[in-house]
Amino acid sequence: MGFDQKGSTVFSVKQNKQGQWDVCEEGFENPLASFNSPEDANKYARNLANVKEGSTVKVIN
């Protein structure tokens, strides 16, 4: 049994109340990761989207 990586997933990058930048997967409450800089968070989110076919990244200001 394998894990299906296909599907349309949205990864969002947004700043949390503590000033860090969270990477979240749409439909899940907790962030996948938190970063000190928006650049690092964006890079991580883009890498996730590249692995999961059909995924996109959006930045929430």
C-alpha atoms as a PDB file:
ATOM      1  CA  MET A   1       0.000   0.000   0.000  1.00  0.00           C
ATOM      2  CA  GLY A   2       1.441   3.371  -1.037  1.00  0.00           C
ATOM      3  CA  PHE A   3       0.793   6.957  -0.116  1.00  0.00           C
ATOM      4  CA  ASP A   4      -0.926   8.961  -2.872  1.00  0.00           C
ATOM      5  CA  GLN A   5       0.843  12.306  -3.304  1.00  0.00           C
ATOM      6  CA  LYS A   6      -1.575  13.562  -5.968  1.00  0.00           C
ATOM      7  CA  GLY A   7      -4.290  16.098  -5.328  1.00  0.00           C
ATOM      8  CA  SER A   8      -4.893  19.784  -5.100  1.00  0.00           C
ATOM      9  CA  THR A   9      -3.439  21.064  -1.849  1.00  0.00           C
ATOM     10  CA  VAL A  10      -2.940  24.651  -0.760  1.00  0.00           C
ATOM     11  CA  PHE A  11      -0.053  25.511   1.536  1.00  0.00           C
ATOM     12  CA  SER A  12      -0.356  28.940   3.146  1.00  0.00           C
ATOM     13  CA  VAL A  13       2.336  31.138   4.632  1.00  0.00           C
ATOM     14  CA  LYS A  14       1.196  33.591   7.295  1.00  0.00           C
ATOM     15  CA  GLN A  15       2.637  35.463  10.243  1.00  0.00           C
ATOM     16  CA  ASN A  16       1.476  34.279  13.652  1.00  0.00           C
ATOM     17  CA  LYS A  17       0.832  36.380  16.777  1.00  0.00           C
ATOM     18  CA  GLN A  18       4.365  35.718  18.047  1.00  0.00           C
ATOM     19  CA  GLY A  19       5.903  37.186  14.871  1.00  0.00           C
ATOM     20  CA  GLN A  20       7.010  33.896  13.323  1.00  0.00           C
ATOM     21  CA  TRP A  21       5.939  32.717   9.876  1.00  0.00           C
ATOM     22  CA  ASP A  22       3.825  29.562   9.803  1.00  0.00           C
ATOM     23  CA  VAL A  23       3.413  27.130   6.915  1.00  0.00           C
ATOM     24  CA  CYS A  24      -0.012  25.519   7.069  1.00  0.00           C
ATOM     25  CA  GLU A  25      -1.800  22.963   4.938  1.00  0.00           C
ATOM     26  CA  GLU A  26      -5.372  23.882   4.081  1.00  0.00           C
ATOM     27  CA  GLY A  27      -7.829  21.919   6.190  1.00  0.00           C
ATOM     28  CA  PHE A  28      -5.459  21.432   9.136  1.00  0.00           C
ATOM     29  CA  GLU A  29      -5.417  23.583  12.256  1.00  0.00           C
ATOM     30  CA  ASN A  30      -1.770  23.314  13.346  1.00  0.00           C
ATOM     31  CA  PRO A  31       1.148  24.636  11.269  1.00  0.00           C
ATOM     32  CA  LEU A  32       3.504  22.176   9.614  1.00  0.00           C
ATOM     33  CA  ALA A  33       6.467  24.392  10.511  1.00  0.00           C
ATOM     34  CA  SER A  34       7.312  27.886  11.786  1.00  0.00           C
ATOM     35  CA  PHE A  35      10.156  30.136  10.684  1.00  0.00           C
ATOM     36  CA  ASN A  36      11.721  33.429  11.739  1.00  0.00           C
ATOM     37  CA  SER A  37      11.704  34.848   8.206  1.00  0.00           C
ATOM     38  CA  PRO A  38       9.043  34.877   5.488  1.00  0.00           C
ATOM     39  CA  GLU A  39      11.681  33.859   2.935  1.00  0.00           C
ATOM     40  CA  ASP A  40      12.442  30.630   4.798  1.00  0.00           C
ATOM     41  CA  ALA A  41       8.739  29.883   5.202  1.00  0.00           C
ATOM     42  CA  ASN A  42       8.092  30.494   1.494  1.00  0.00           C
ATOM     43  CA  LYS A  43      11.003  28.264   0.502  1.00  0.00           C
ATOM     44  CA  TYR A  44       9.705  25.436   2.706  1.00  0.00           C
ATOM     45  CA  ALA A  45       6.141  25.826   1.377  1.00  0.00           C
ATOM     46  CA  ARG A  46       7.365  25.818  -2.259  1.00  0.00           C
ATOM     47  CA  ASN A  47       9.370  22.653  -1.612  1.00  0.00           C
ATOM     48  CA  LEU A  48       6.270  20.957  -0.183  1.00  0.00           C
ATOM     49  CA  ALA A  49       4.195  22.082  -3.165  1.00  0.00           C
ATOM     50  CA  ASN A  50       6.812  20.758  -5.591  1.00  0.00           C
ATOM     51  CA  VAL A  51       6.608  17.297  -4.001  1.00  0.00           C
ATOM     52  CA  LYS A  52       2.821  17.131  -3.973  1.00  0.00           C
ATOM     53  CA  GLU A  53       1.575  17.389  -7.554  1.00  0.00           C
ATOM     54  CA  GLY A  54      -1.093  20.022  -8.182  1.00  0.00           C
ATOM     55  CA  SER A  55      -0.306  21.973  -5.014  1.00  0.00           C
ATOM     56  CA  THR A  56      -0.074  25.743  -4.692  1.00  0.00           C
ATOM     57  CA  VAL A  57       1.331  28.217  -2.193  1.00  0.00           C
ATOM     58  CA  LYS A  58      -0.402  31.390  -1.064  1.00  0.00           C
ATOM     59  CA  VAL A  59       0.958  34.096   1.207  1.00  0.00           C
ATOM     60  CA  ILE A  60      -1.521  35.666   3.601  1.00  0.00           C
ATOM     61  CA  ASN A  61      -0.648  39.179   4.710  1.00  0.00           C
END
